[in-house]
């Protein structure tokens, strides 16, 4: 990256903040199928932001790498 350096910790913190914002988002006054679509989108948004927010990030040879542990915590 030229003059702009990427602060990986700050980037991951922003994703964690976005996940929390989705989690605490107020439900708009909607019902029926529209309500379910809203809930489904909120769940997908939360999952995406949380996964990236929990990643271990590094830059090697100009390539941003996000390592994401998808193994369950009960596996040894």
C-alpha atoms as a PDB file:
ATOM      1  CA  UNK A   1       0.000   0.000   0.000  1.00  0.00           C
ATOM      2  CA  UNK A   2       1.471   3.322  -0.958  1.00  0.00           C
ATOM      3  CA  UNK A   3       1.196   6.238   1.492  1.00  0.00           C
ATOM      4  CA  UNK A   4      -1.735   4.665   3.328  1.00  0.00           C
ATOM      5  CA  UNK A   5      -0.837   1.974   5.835  1.00  0.00           C
ATOM      6  CA  UNK A   6      -3.514  -0.494   6.834  1.00  0.00           C
ATOM      7  CA  UNK A   7      -4.001  -0.765  10.600  1.00  0.00           C
ATOM      8  CA  UNK A   8      -5.129  -4.386  10.871  1.00  0.00           C
ATOM      9  CA  UNK A   9      -6.123  -4.150  14.532  1.00  0.00           C
ATOM     10  CA  UNK A  10      -8.290  -1.097  13.825  1.00  0.00           C
ATOM     11  CA  UNK A  11      -9.862  -2.814  10.812  1.00  0.00           C
ATOM     12  CA  UNK A  12     -10.762  -5.893  12.858  1.00  0.00           C
ATOM     13  CA  UNK A  13     -12.106  -3.678  15.664  1.00  0.00           C
ATOM     14  CA  UNK A  14     -14.396  -1.936  13.150  1.00  0.00           C
ATOM     15  CA  UNK A  15     -15.802  -5.312  12.104  1.00  0.00           C
ATOM     16  CA  UNK A  16     -16.363  -6.214  15.766  1.00  0.00           C
ATOM     17  CA  UNK A  17     -18.168  -2.885  16.257  1.00  0.00           C
ATOM     18  CA  UNK A  18     -20.323  -3.541  13.192  1.00  0.00           C
ATOM     19  CA  UNK A  19     -21.262  -6.990  14.514  1.00  0.00           C
ATOM     20  CA  UNK A  20     -22.319  -5.454  17.838  1.00  0.00           C
ATOM     21  CA  UNK A  21     -24.286  -2.721  16.037  1.00  0.00           C
ATOM     22  CA  UNK A  22     -26.211  -5.364  14.092  1.00  0.00           C
ATOM     23  CA  UNK A  23     -26.845  -7.340  17.274  1.00  0.00           C
ATOM     24  CA  UNK A  24     -28.251  -4.300  19.090  1.00  0.00           C
ATOM     25  CA  UNK A  25     -30.147  -2.909  16.085  1.00  0.00           C
ATOM     26  CA  UNK A  26     -33.775  -2.030  16.826  1.00  0.00           C
ATOM     27  CA  UNK A  27     -36.485  -3.928  14.986  1.00  0.00           C
ATOM     28  CA  UNK A  28     -38.404  -1.611  12.646  1.00  0.00           C
ATOM     29  CA  UNK A  29     -42.219  -1.782  12.761  1.00  0.00           C
ATOM     30  CA  UNK A  30     -42.631  -4.465  10.093  1.00  0.00           C
ATOM     31  CA  UNK A  31     -44.425  -7.775   9.999  1.00  0.00           C
ATOM     32  CA  UNK A  32     -44.909 -10.953   8.047  1.00  0.00           C
ATOM     33  CA  UNK A  33     -42.466 -11.938   5.327  1.00  0.00           C
ATOM     34  CA  UNK A  34     -40.726  -8.556   5.443  1.00  0.00           C
ATOM     35  CA  UNK A  35     -39.984  -9.058   9.141  1.00  0.00           C
ATOM     36  CA  UNK A  36     -38.470 -12.491   8.472  1.00  0.00           C
ATOM     37  CA  UNK A  37     -36.315 -11.121   5.634  1.00  0.00           C
ATOM     38  CA  UNK A  38     -35.077  -8.377   7.985  1.00  0.00           C
ATOM     39  CA  UNK A  39     -34.225 -10.947  10.687  1.00  0.00           C
ATOM     40  CA  UNK A  40     -32.495 -13.244   8.180  1.00  0.00           C
ATOM     41  CA  UNK A  41     -30.410 -10.347   6.805  1.00  0.00           C
ATOM     42  CA  UNK A  42     -29.492  -9.178  10.317  1.00  0.00           C
ATOM     43  CA  UNK A  43     -28.317 -12.697  11.211  1.00  0.00           C
ATOM     44  CA  UNK A  44     -26.215 -12.925   8.037  1.00  0.00           C
ATOM     45  CA  UNK A  45     -24.749  -9.445   8.614  1.00  0.00           C
ATOM     46  CA  UNK A  46     -23.884 -10.293  12.228  1.00  0.00           C
ATOM     47  CA  UNK A  47     -22.248 -13.578  11.264  1.00  0.00           C
ATOM     48  CA  UNK A  48     -20.177 -11.988   8.482  1.00  0.00           C
ATOM     49  CA  UNK A  49     -18.977  -9.080  10.635  1.00  0.00           C
ATOM     50  CA  UNK A  50     -18.288 -11.315  13.660  1.00  0.00           C
ATOM     51  CA  UNK A  51     -16.297 -13.854  11.651  1.00  0.00           C
ATOM     52  CA  UNK A  52     -14.064 -11.192  10.130  1.00  0.00           C
ATOM     53  CA  UNK A  53     -13.809  -9.356  13.463  1.00  0.00           C
ATOM     54  CA  UNK A  54     -12.476 -12.537  15.107  1.00  0.00           C
ATOM     55  CA  UNK A  55      -9.914 -13.232  12.383  1.00  0.00           C
ATOM     56  CA  UNK A  56      -6.158 -13.098  12.777  1.00  0.00           C
ATOM     57  CA  UNK A  57      -4.947 -10.699  10.096  1.00  0.00           C
ATOM     58  CA  UNK A  58      -1.544 -10.320   8.486  1.00  0.00           C
ATOM     59  CA  UNK A  59      -0.008  -8.768   5.411  1.00  0.00           C
ATOM     60  CA  UNK A  60       2.745 -10.714   3.687  1.00  0.00           C
ATOM     61  CA  UNK A  61       4.234  -9.688   0.352  1.00  0.00           C
ATOM     62  CA  UNK A  62       1.382  -7.209  -0.105  1.00  0.00           C
ATOM     63  CA  UNK A  63      -1.341  -9.820   0.404  1.00  0.00           C
ATOM     64  CA  UNK A  64      -3.875  -9.396   3.206  1.00  0.00           C
ATOM     65  CA  UNK A  65      -4.554 -12.760   4.838  1.00  0.00           C
ATOM     66  CA  UNK A  66      -7.358 -13.387   7.301  1.00  0.00           C
ATOM     67  CA  UNK A  67      -7.008 -16.625   9.288  1.00  0.00           C
ATOM     68  CA  UNK A  68     -10.359 -17.717  10.640  1.00  0.00           C
ATOM     69  CA  UNK A  69     -10.649 -20.704  12.964  1.00  0.00           C
ATOM     70  CA  UNK A  70     -13.867 -22.468  12.033  1.00  0.00           C
ATOM     71  CA  UNK A  71     -13.276 -25.492  14.238  1.00  0.00           C
ATOM     72  CA  UNK A  72     -15.716 -25.906  17.089  1.00  0.00           C
ATOM     73  CA  UNK A  73     -14.375 -25.270  20.568  1.00  0.00           C
ATOM     74  CA  UNK A  74     -15.261 -28.784  21.751  1.00  0.00           C
ATOM     75  CA  UNK A  75     -12.947 -30.465  19.218  1.00  0.00           C
ATOM     76  CA  UNK A  76      -9.498 -31.425  20.422  1.00  0.00           C
END
